[in-house]
C-alpha atoms as a PDB file:
ATOM      1  CA  TRP A   1     -71.819 -93.922-134.891  1.00  0.00           C
ATOM      2  CA  TYR A   2     -72.446 -97.668-134.903  1.00  0.00           C
ATOM      3  CA  VAL A   3     -73.178 -99.860-131.862  1.00  0.00           C
ATOM      4  CA  ASN A   4     -74.463-103.382-131.425  1.00  0.00           C
ATOM      5  CA  ARG A   5     -75.811-105.477-128.584  1.00  0.00           C
ATOM      6  CA  ARG A   6     -72.745-107.698-128.309  1.00  0.00           C
ATOM      7  CA  GLN A   7     -70.464-104.684-127.781  1.00  0.00           C
ATOM      8  CA  ILE A   8     -72.699-103.181-125.102  1.00  0.00           C
ATOM      9  CA  GLU A   9     -73.171-106.466-123.235  1.00  0.00           C
ATOM     10  CA  ALA A  10     -69.386-106.973-123.184  1.00  0.00           C
ATOM     11  CA  LEU A  11     -68.892-103.412-121.919  1.00  0.00           C
ATOM     12  CA  ARG A  12     -71.457-103.836-119.116  1.00  0.00           C
ATOM     13  CA  GLU A  13     -69.966-107.163-118.044  1.00  0.00           C
ATOM     14  CA  ASP A  14     -66.479-105.653-118.004  1.00  0.00           C
ATOM     15  CA  TRP A  15     -67.582-102.724-115.816  1.00  0.00           C
ATOM     16  CA  SER A  16     -69.843-104.669-113.448  1.00  0.00           C
ATOM     17  CA  ASP A  17     -67.202-107.023-112.038  1.00  0.00           C
ATOM     18  CA  ASN A  18     -65.032-104.317-110.421  1.00  0.00           C
ATOM     19  CA  GLY A  19     -66.538-100.924-111.303  1.00  0.00           C
ATOM     20  CA  LYS A  20     -63.966-100.109-113.960  1.00  0.00           C
ATOM     21  CA  LEU A  21     -63.217-100.930-117.582  1.00  0.00           C
ATOM     22  CA  ASP A  22     -60.276-103.223-118.180  1.00  0.00           C
ATOM     23  CA  ALA A  23     -60.715-103.844-121.920  1.00  0.00           C
ATOM     24  CA  PRO A  24     -60.437-101.202-124.664  1.00  0.00           C
ATOM     25  CA  VAL A  25     -63.731 -99.408-125.352  1.00  0.00           C
ATOM     26  CA  PRO A  26     -64.975 -99.439-128.992  1.00  0.00           C
ATOM     27  CA  LEU A  27     -64.412 -96.006-130.546  1.00  0.00           C
ATOM     28  CA  ASP A  28     -68.088 -95.336-131.332  1.00  0.00           C
ATOM     29  CA  ILE A  29     -69.107 -96.075-127.730  1.00  0.00           C
ATOM     30  CA  LEU A  30     -66.226 -94.003-126.363  1.00  0.00           C
ATOM     31  CA  THR A  31     -67.068 -90.991-128.570  1.00  0.00           C
ATOM     32  CA  TRP A  32     -70.874 -91.371-128.317  1.00  0.00           C
ATOM     33  CA  PRO A  33     -72.189 -87.844-129.123  1.00  0.00           C
ATOM     34  CA  THR A  34     -74.110 -86.980-126.019  1.00  0.00           C
ATOM     35  CA  ARG A  35     -74.192 -84.726-122.992  1.00  0.00           C
ATOM     36  CA  GLY A  36     -70.950 -84.254-121.090  1.00  0.00           C
ATOM     37  CA  ASN A  37     -68.847 -86.791-123.007  1.00  0.00           C
ATOM     38  CA  ALA A  38     -65.256 -85.584-122.694  1.00  0.00           C
ATOM     39  CA  ASP A  39     -64.211 -88.048-125.423  1.00  0.00           C
ATOM     40  CA  PHE A  40     -66.758 -86.765-127.952  1.00  0.00           C
ATOM     41  CA  GLY A  41     -65.305 -85.447-131.178  1.00  0.00           C
ATOM     42  CA  PRO A  42     -63.268 -87.757-133.379  1.00  0.00           C
ATOM     43  CA  ASN A  43     -66.186 -88.999-135.495  1.00  0.00           C
ATOM     44  CA  MET A  44     -67.651 -85.729-136.693  1.00  0.00           C
ATOM     45  CA  ASP A  45     -66.621 -82.207-137.681  1.00  0.00           C
ATOM     46  CA  PHE A  46     -69.064 -79.506-136.530  1.00  0.00           C
ATOM     47  CA  THR A  47     -67.297 -76.497-138.062  1.00  0.00           C
ATOM     48  CA  GLN A  48     -70.114 -75.837-140.588  1.00  0.00           C
ATOM     49  CA  THR A  49     -72.918 -75.508-138.045  1.00  0.00           C
ATOM     50  CA  THR A  50     -73.669 -73.151-135.175  1.00  0.00           C
ATOM     51  CA  THR A  51     -75.536 -75.848-133.238  1.00  0.00           C
ATOM     52  CA  ASN A  52     -73.946 -76.550-129.878  1.00  0.00           C
ATOM     53  CA  PRO A  53     -72.690 -80.168-130.058  1.00  0.00           C
ATOM     54  CA  MET A  54     -73.824 -80.567-126.456  1.00  0.00           C
ATOM     55  CA  ASP A  55     -77.396 -80.157-127.731  1.00  0.00           C
ATOM     56  CA  LEU A  56     -77.069 -83.089-130.155  1.00  0.00           C
ATOM     57  CA  VAL A  57     -77.899 -85.707-127.596  1.00  0.00           C
ATOM     58  CA  ALA A  58     -77.662 -89.343-128.636  1.00  0.00           C
ATOM     59  CA  PRO A  59     -79.689 -91.656-126.343  1.00  0.00           C
ATOM     60  CA  PHE A  60     -77.776 -93.227-123.465  1.00  0.00           C
ATOM     61  CA  VAL A  61     -78.248 -95.098-120.194  1.00  0.00           C
ATOM     62  CA  ASP A  62     -77.076 -92.960-117.277  1.00  0.00           C
ATOM     63  CA  ALA A  63     -75.872 -95.580-114.798  1.00  0.00           C
ATOM     64  CA  ASN A  64     -75.197 -93.172-111.916  1.00  0.00           C
ATOM     65  CA  GLY A  65     -77.905 -90.609-112.710  1.00  0.00           C
ATOM     66  CA  ASP A  66     -75.605 -87.587-112.925  1.00  0.00           C
ATOM     67  CA  GLY A  67     -76.969 -86.501-116.321  1.00  0.00           C
ATOM     68  CA  LEU A  68     -73.587 -86.816-118.008  1.00  0.00           C
ATOM     69  CA  TYR A  69     -72.214 -89.534-120.277  1.00  0.00           C
ATOM     70  CA  ARG A  70     -69.115 -91.164-118.784  1.00  0.00           C
ATOM     71  CA  VAL A  71     -68.191 -94.640-119.983  1.00  0.00           C
ATOM     72  CA  ALA A  72     -65.925 -94.991-116.958  1.00  0.00           C
ATOM     73  CA  ASP A  73     -68.998 -94.506-114.720  1.00  0.00           C
ATOM     74  CA  GLY A  74     -70.810 -97.408-116.353  1.00  0.00           C
ATOM     75  CA  ASP A  75     -72.796 -95.353-118.884  1.00  0.00           C
ATOM     76  CA  TYR A  76     -73.469 -96.793-122.327  1.00  0.00           C
ATOM     77  CA  PRO A  77     -75.479 -95.992-125.481  1.00  0.00           C
ATOM     78  CA  ARG A  78     -79.197 -96.751-125.339  1.00  0.00           C
ATOM     79  CA  LEU A  79     -79.625 -99.287-128.103  1.00  0.00           C
ATOM     80  CA  LYS A  80     -82.662 -99.781-130.318  1.00  0.00           C
ATOM     81  CA  GLY A  81     -82.805-103.279-131.779  1.00  0.00           C
ATOM     82  CA  ASP A  82     -79.652-105.419-131.954  1.00  0.00           C
ATOM     83  CA  GLN A  83     -77.623-103.189-134.277  1.00  0.00           C
ATOM     84  CA  MET A  84     -77.980 -99.431-134.535  1.00  0.00           C
ATOM     85  CA  CYS A  85     -76.421 -96.563-136.450  1.00  0.00           C
ATOM     86  CA  TRP A  86     -76.979 -93.043-135.139  1.00  0.00           C
ATOM     87  CA  TRP A  87     -76.121 -89.697-136.652  1.00  0.00           C
ATOM     88  CA  VAL A  88     -77.425 -86.152-136.765  1.00  0.00           C
ATOM     89  CA  MET A  89     -78.065 -83.719-139.610  1.00  0.00           C
ATOM     90  CA  THR A  90     -78.685 -79.986-139.420  1.00  0.00           C
ATOM     91  CA  ASP A  91     -79.991 -77.401-141.862  1.00  0.00           C
ATOM     92  CA  ASP A  92     -78.437 -74.625-139.774  1.00  0.00           C
ATOM     93  CA  THR A  93     -75.906 -73.990-142.524  1.00  0.00           C
ATOM     94  CA  GLN A  94     -75.955 -72.774-146.125  1.00  0.00           C
ATOM     95  CA  ASN A  95     -78.682 -74.556-148.126  1.00  0.00           C
ATOM     96  CA  THR A  96     -76.774 -74.891-151.401  1.00  0.00           C
ATOM     97  CA  LEU A  97     -79.354 -77.081-153.209  1.00  0.00           C
ATOM     98  CA  SER A  98     -82.595 -75.256-152.373  1.00  0.00           C
ATOM     99  CA  ASN A  99     -81.096 -71.776-151.798  1.00  0.00           C
ATOM    100  CA  HIS A 100     -83.694 -71.368-149.025  1.00  0.00           C
ATOM    101  CA  LEU A 101     -83.276 -69.958-145.557  1.00  0.00           C
ATOM    102  CA  PRO A 102     -82.589 -72.634-142.914  1.00  0.00           C
ATOM    103  CA  PHE A 103     -85.397 -73.703-140.590  1.00  0.00           C
ATOM    104  CA  GLY A 104     -82.916 -74.000-137.735  1.00  0.00           C
ATOM    105  CA  CYS A 105     -83.771 -77.669-137.224  1.00  0.00           C
ATOM    106  CA  ASP A 106     -81.655 -80.682-136.327  1.00  0.00           C
ATOM    107  CA  ILE A 107     -82.609 -84.193-137.403  1.00  0.00           C
ATOM    108  CA  SER A 108     -81.176 -87.097-135.448  1.00  0.00           C
ATOM    109  CA  VAL A 109     -81.464 -90.458-137.185  1.00  0.00           C
ATOM    110  CA  ALA A 110     -81.504 -93.932-135.617  1.00  0.00           C
ATOM    111  CA  VAL A 111     -81.311 -96.838-138.065  1.00  0.00           C
ATOM    112  CA  TYR A 112     -81.666-100.238-136.430  1.00  0.00           C
ATOM    113  CA  LEU A 113     -82.214-103.955-137.000  1.00  0.00           C
ATOM    114  CA  PHE A 114     -83.422-106.886-134.910  1.00  0.00           C
ATOM    115  CA  ASP A 115     -81.761-110.314-134.924  1.00  0.00           C
ATOM    116  CA  CYS A 116     -84.896-112.468-134.964  1.00  0.00           C
ATOM    117  CA  PRO A 117     -84.608-115.580-137.200  1.00  0.00           C
ATOM    118  CA  SER A 118     -87.972-116.897-135.935  1.00  0.00           C
ATOM    119  CA  ASP A 119     -89.803-113.907-137.465  1.00  0.00           C
ATOM    120  CA  GLN A 120     -88.825-113.494-141.106  1.00  0.00           C
ATOM    121  CA  LEU A 121     -90.635-110.171-141.538  1.00  0.00           C
ATOM    122  CA  LEU A 122     -88.890-108.652-138.516  1.00  0.00           C
ATOM    123  CA  GLU A 123     -85.587-110.219-139.586  1.00  0.00           C
ATOM    124  CA  ASN A 124     -85.899-108.482-142.965  1.00  0.00           C
ATOM    125  CA  THR A 125     -86.998-105.035-141.750  1.00  0.00           C
ATOM    126  CA  LEU A 126     -84.846-101.934-141.387  1.00  0.00           C
ATOM    127  CA  PHE A 127     -86.261 -99.375-138.930  1.00  0.00           C
ATOM    128  CA  VAL A 128     -85.449 -95.680-139.301  1.00  0.00           C
ATOM    129  CA  ASP A 129     -86.474 -93.085-136.678  1.00  0.00           C
ATOM    130  CA  TYR A 130     -86.116 -89.387-137.464  1.00  0.00           C
ATOM    131  CA  GLU A 131     -86.278 -86.986-134.501  1.00  0.00           C
ATOM    132  CA  ILE A 132     -86.673 -83.403-135.725  1.00  0.00           C
ATOM    133  CA  VAL A 133     -85.881 -80.647-133.211  1.00  0.00           C
ATOM    134  CA  ASN A 134     -86.761 -77.008-133.839  1.00  0.00           C
ATOM    135  CA  ARG A 135     -83.731 -75.129-132.487  1.00  0.00           C
ATOM    136  CA  SER A 136     -85.065 -71.770-133.690  1.00  0.00           C
ATOM    137  CA  GLN A 137     -87.375 -69.333-131.918  1.00  0.00           C
ATOM    138  CA  ASN A 138     -89.904 -69.619-134.762  1.00  0.00           C
ATOM    139  CA  ARG A 139     -93.248 -71.398-134.617  1.00  0.00           C
ATOM    140  CA  TYR A 140     -93.848 -73.356-137.813  1.00  0.00           C
ATOM    141  CA  SER A 141     -97.349 -74.392-138.886  1.00  0.00           C
ATOM    142  CA  ASP A 142     -98.491 -76.664-141.738  1.00  0.00           C
ATOM    143  CA  VAL A 143     -95.228 -78.596-141.660  1.00  0.00           C
ATOM    144  CA  TYR A 144     -95.012 -81.692-143.848  1.00  0.00           C
ATOM    145  CA  VAL A 145     -92.409 -84.427-143.534  1.00  0.00           C
ATOM    146  CA  ARG A 146     -91.663 -85.977-146.916  1.00  0.00           C
ATOM    147  CA  LEU A 147     -89.743 -89.180-147.548  1.00  0.00           C
ATOM    148  CA  TRP A 148     -88.038 -89.366-150.929  1.00  0.00           C
ATOM    149  CA  ASN A 149     -87.690 -92.935-152.188  1.00  0.00           C
ATOM    150  CA  ASP A 150     -85.650 -94.470-155.020  1.00  0.00           C
ATOM    151  CA  PRO A 151     -86.602 -98.160-154.748  1.00  0.00           C
ATOM    152  CA  ASP A 152     -84.386-100.209-157.065  1.00  0.00           C
ATOM    153  CA  LEU A 153     -85.770-103.741-156.783  1.00  0.00           C
ATOM    154  CA  GLY A 154     -82.938-105.663-158.404  1.00  0.00           C
ATOM    155  CA  CYS A 155     -82.867-103.927-161.778  1.00  0.00           C
ATOM    156  CA  GLY A 156     -84.306-100.460-161.165  1.00  0.00           C
ATOM    157  CA  MET A 157     -85.585-100.025-164.720  1.00  0.00           C
ATOM    158  CA  ASP A 158     -88.483-102.530-164.563  1.00  0.00           C
ATOM    159  CA  ASP A 159     -90.206-101.571-161.308  1.00  0.00           C
ATOM    160  CA  TYR A 160     -93.734-100.417-160.509  1.00  0.00           C
ATOM    161  CA  ILE A 161     -94.798 -98.571-157.349  1.00  0.00           C
ATOM    162  CA  GLY A 162     -98.041 -98.335-155.403  1.00  0.00           C
ATOM    163  CA  THR A 163     -99.701 -97.243-152.164  1.00  0.00           C
ATOM    164  CA  LEU A 164    -101.201 -99.375-149.392  1.00  0.00           C
ATOM    165  CA  THR A 165    -103.420 -96.708-147.869  1.00  0.00           C
ATOM    166  CA  GLN A 166    -104.771 -98.945-145.071  1.00  0.00           C
ATOM    167  CA  SER A 167    -101.227 -99.709-143.923  1.00  0.00           C
ATOM    168  CA  ASN A 168     -99.746 -96.190-144.344  1.00  0.00           C
ATOM    169  CA  ALA A 169     -97.210 -97.790-146.676  1.00  0.00           C
ATOM    170  CA  ILE A 170     -95.722 -97.435-150.131  1.00  0.00           C
ATOM    171  CA  TYR A 171     -94.274-100.382-152.025  1.00  0.00           C
ATOM    172  CA  VAL A 172     -92.374-101.442-155.136  1.00  0.00           C
ATOM    173  CA  TYR A 173     -92.845-104.580-157.207  1.00  0.00           C
ATOM    174  CA  ASN A 174     -91.443-105.913-160.469  1.00  0.00           C
ATOM    175  CA  ARG A 175     -93.206-105.303-163.789  1.00  0.00           C
ATOM    176  CA  THR A 176     -91.720-108.347-165.512  1.00  0.00           C
ATOM    177  CA  ALA A 177     -90.400-111.800-164.686  1.00  0.00           C
ATOM    178  CA  PRO A 178     -87.718-112.900-164.495  1.00  0.00           C
ATOM    179  CA  ASP A 179     -85.935-109.911-162.962  1.00  0.00           C
ATOM    180  CA  THR A 180     -82.583-109.597-164.725  1.00  0.00           C
ATOM    181  CA  GLY A 181     -79.771-107.441-163.420  1.00  0.00           C
ATOM    182  CA  CYS A 182     -78.851-104.047-164.849  1.00  0.00           C
ATOM    183  CA  GLY A 183     -76.611-101.126-164.061  1.00  0.00           C
ATOM    184  CA  GLY A 184     -74.382-103.282-161.876  1.00  0.00           C
ATOM    185  CA  ASN A 185     -77.298-104.437-159.684  1.00  0.00           C
ATOM    186  CA  PRO A 186     -77.985-108.202-159.657  1.00  0.00           C
ATOM    187  CA  GLY A 187     -81.524-109.343-160.441  1.00  0.00           C
ATOM    188  CA  PHE A 188     -83.794-111.635-158.407  1.00  0.00           C
ATOM    189  CA  GLY A 189     -84.577-114.021-161.251  1.00  0.00           C
ATOM    190  CA  ASP A 190     -87.921-115.761-160.672  1.00  0.00           C
ATOM    191  CA  GLN A 191     -87.854-115.244-156.868  1.00  0.00           C
ATOM    192  CA  ILE A 192     -88.856-111.593-156.920  1.00  0.00           C
ATOM    193  CA  PRO A 193     -89.700-109.931-153.584  1.00  0.00           C
ATOM    194  CA  VAL A 194     -91.784-106.870-152.812  1.00  0.00           C
ATOM    195  CA  SER A 195     -90.214-103.997-150.879  1.00  0.00           C
ATOM    196  CA  SER A 196     -92.209-101.587-148.712  1.00  0.00           C
ATOM    197  CA  ALA A 197     -91.735 -98.412-146.678  1.00  0.00           C
ATOM    198  CA  THR A 198     -94.256 -97.887-143.855  1.00  0.00           C
ATOM    199  CA  PHE A 199     -95.039 -94.876-141.666  1.00  0.00           C
ATOM    200  CA  LEU A 200     -95.313 -96.359-138.171  1.00  0.00           C
ATOM    201  CA  ASN A 201     -96.541 -93.499-136.001  1.00  0.00           C
ATOM    202  CA  THR A 202     -98.263 -91.132-138.382  1.00  0.00           C
ATOM    203  CA  ALA A 203    -100.696 -91.284-141.279  1.00  0.00           C
ATOM    204  CA  LEU A 204     -99.559 -91.404-144.882  1.00  0.00           C
ATOM    205  CA  VAL A 205    -101.367 -88.437-146.455  1.00  0.00           C
ATOM    206  CA  GLY A 206     -99.613 -88.246-149.796  1.00  0.00           C
ATOM    207  CA  HIS A 207     -97.605 -90.360-152.243  1.00  0.00           C
ATOM    208  CA  THR A 208     -96.561 -88.799-155.535  1.00  0.00           C
ATOM    209  CA  THR A 209     -93.817 -89.096-158.107  1.00  0.00           C
ATOM    210  CA  ASP A 210     -90.825 -86.946-157.260  1.00  0.00           C
ATOM    211  CA  ASP A 211     -91.658 -84.375-159.957  1.00  0.00           C
ATOM    212  CA  MET A 212     -95.171 -83.716-158.567  1.00  0.00           C
ATOM    213  CA  VAL A 213     -95.800 -80.999-155.963  1.00  0.00           C
ATOM    214  CA  PRO A 214     -99.134 -81.985-154.287  1.00  0.00           C
ATOM    215  CA  THR A 215     -98.822 -83.559-150.854  1.00  0.00           C
ATOM    216  CA  ASN A 216    -102.344 -84.950-150.519  1.00  0.00           C
ATOM    217  CA  SER A 217    -102.712 -87.391-153.446  1.00  0.00           C
ATOM    218  CA  LEU A 218    -102.029 -91.124-153.093  1.00  0.00           C
ATOM    219  CA  LEU A 219    -100.302 -92.706-156.054  1.00  0.00           C
ATOM    220  CA  TYR A 220    -101.779 -95.936-157.474  1.00  0.00           C
ATOM    221  CA  PRO A 221    -103.762 -97.235-154.473  1.00  0.00           C
ATOM    222  CA  GLY A 222    -105.327-100.143-156.379  1.00  0.00           C
ATOM    223  CA  ASN A 223    -104.424-103.845-156.185  1.00  0.00           C
ATOM    224  CA  PRO A 224    -102.040-104.696-159.057  1.00  0.00           C
ATOM    225  CA  ALA A 225    -103.816-108.063-159.423  1.00  0.00           C
ATOM    226  CA  ASP A 226    -107.064-106.257-160.334  1.00  0.00           C
ATOM    227  CA  PRO A 227    -107.070-105.563-164.105  1.00  0.00           C
ATOM    228  CA  ASN A 228    -109.531-102.711-163.519  1.00  0.00           C
ATOM    229  CA  GLY A 229    -107.773-101.289-160.468  1.00  0.00           C
ATOM    230  CA  GLU A 230    -105.896 -98.018-160.122  1.00  0.00           C
ATOM    231  CA  SER A 231    -102.360 -99.418-160.453  1.00  0.00           C
ATOM    232  CA  MET A 232     -99.357 -99.079-162.727  1.00  0.00           C
ATOM    233  CA  CYS A 233     -99.823-102.733-163.654  1.00  0.00           C
ATOM    234  CA  ALA A 234    -103.427-102.270-164.794  1.00  0.00           C
ATOM    235  CA  LYS A 235    -102.433 -99.192-166.790  1.00  0.00           C
ATOM    236  CA  ASN A 236     -99.479-101.098-168.343  1.00  0.00           C
ATOM    237  CA  LEU A 237     -97.305 -98.026-167.989  1.00  0.00           C
ATOM    238  CA  PRO A 238     -93.838 -97.906-169.594  1.00  0.00           C
ATOM    239  CA  MET A 239     -90.837 -98.992-167.563  1.00  0.00           C
ATOM    240  CA  GLN A 240     -88.523 -96.450-165.987  1.00  0.00           C
ATOM    241  CA  ASP A 241     -86.442 -95.879-162.868  1.00  0.00           C
ATOM    242  CA  GLN A 242     -89.212 -95.167-160.352  1.00  0.00           C
ATOM    243  CA  ARG A 243     -88.859 -92.480-157.691  1.00  0.00           C
ATOM    244  CA  SER A 244     -91.529 -91.131-155.380  1.00  0.00           C
ATOM    245  CA  VAL A 245     -92.192 -88.899-152.388  1.00  0.00           C
ATOM    246  CA  ALA A 246     -94.378 -89.971-149.449  1.00  0.00           C
ATOM    247  CA  SER A 247     -95.798 -87.318-147.118  1.00  0.00           C
ATOM    248  CA  ALA A 248     -97.019 -87.008-143.536  1.00  0.00           C
ATOM    249  CA  GLY A 249     -98.609 -83.954-141.949  1.00  0.00           C
ATOM    250  CA  PRO A 250     -99.510 -81.219-141.452  1.00  0.00           C
ATOM    251  CA  PHE A 251     -97.720 -80.664-138.144  1.00  0.00           C
ATOM    252  CA  THR A 252     -97.010 -77.665-135.945  1.00  0.00           C
ATOM    253  CA  MET A 253     -93.513 -77.187-134.528  1.00  0.00           C
ATOM    254  CA  ASN A 254     -93.009 -74.800-131.616  1.00  0.00           C
ATOM    255  CA  PRO A 255     -89.613 -73.422-130.584  1.00  0.00           C
ATOM    256  CA  ASN A 256     -87.561 -76.275-129.084  1.00  0.00           C
ATOM    257  CA  GLY A 257     -90.376 -78.616-130.082  1.00  0.00           C
ATOM    258  CA  THR A 258     -89.655 -82.162-131.235  1.00  0.00           C
ATOM    259  CA  LEU A 259     -91.284 -84.237-133.953  1.00  0.00           C
ATOM    260  CA  LEU A 260     -90.645 -88.000-134.052  1.00  0.00           C
ATOM    261  CA  PHE A 261     -91.123 -89.659-137.425  1.00  0.00           C
ATOM    262  CA  ARG A 262     -90.810 -93.482-137.415  1.00  0.00           C
ATOM    263  CA  THR A 263     -90.523 -95.634-140.548  1.00  0.00           C
ATOM    264  CA  ALA A 264     -89.854 -99.256-141.469  1.00  0.00           C
ATOM    265  CA  PHE A 265     -88.380-100.588-144.723  1.00  0.00           C
ATOM    266  CA  ALA A 266     -89.268-104.249-145.259  1.00  0.00           C
ATOM    267  CA  TYR A 267     -88.393-107.048-147.674  1.00  0.00           C
ATOM    268  CA  HIS A 268     -91.281-109.430-148.406  1.00  0.00           C
ATOM    269  CA  SER A 269     -90.478-112.755-150.019  1.00  0.00           C
END
């Protein structure tokens, strides 16, 4: 589901003048997947999961306080930022890749942006919030949340990666200049940015390549400008398509417990 500030402001203005909606309601606002929405359904097929769709509650503003989402009553999605996409995933189905038993967890995802030309860092940051809900009756201990990353910076075959431990962030930078395109991706030429992924509300406890199991080692924490530092640049490692896994934890999840995991993906000129 996709919503933006302009849509919601228009909807609120339409409803406030006479207590009813005169203009057509955008489909994603009309079908917003939350409690009591009689118009919920057209955007998603729930036949593969046993989770009650009424439990997959997207955030909303309850104008009349009845606990139910009714656009006709003046309710509307609760927006983060100026543009937001929201969806939900569940592992309460067959795990065909891992062949493991499901945890019985749902993960709702909010991806959002701010329109802020006066702040270039904020203008070039994509925020992603993961809300993990334990729908099972099991208590899970030593839970780690791991973020898999495939950071193609222009051409993905000439990138290096590192860890900013003090900022709970991982980042990717170019090994060579200029950055030429490859594999259908355009290059950045001589104006090569750095891209980062930051854990906003939890510590970064591990950063490894995606073929390494340990969760508590931090990959290349040194400054790439230091010829003696612990970095891919200092080691002059061969080029390849870099992938890595960043970890947070351990956490404990009780039945019906919720874990909020907030991240930010930024473009630095």
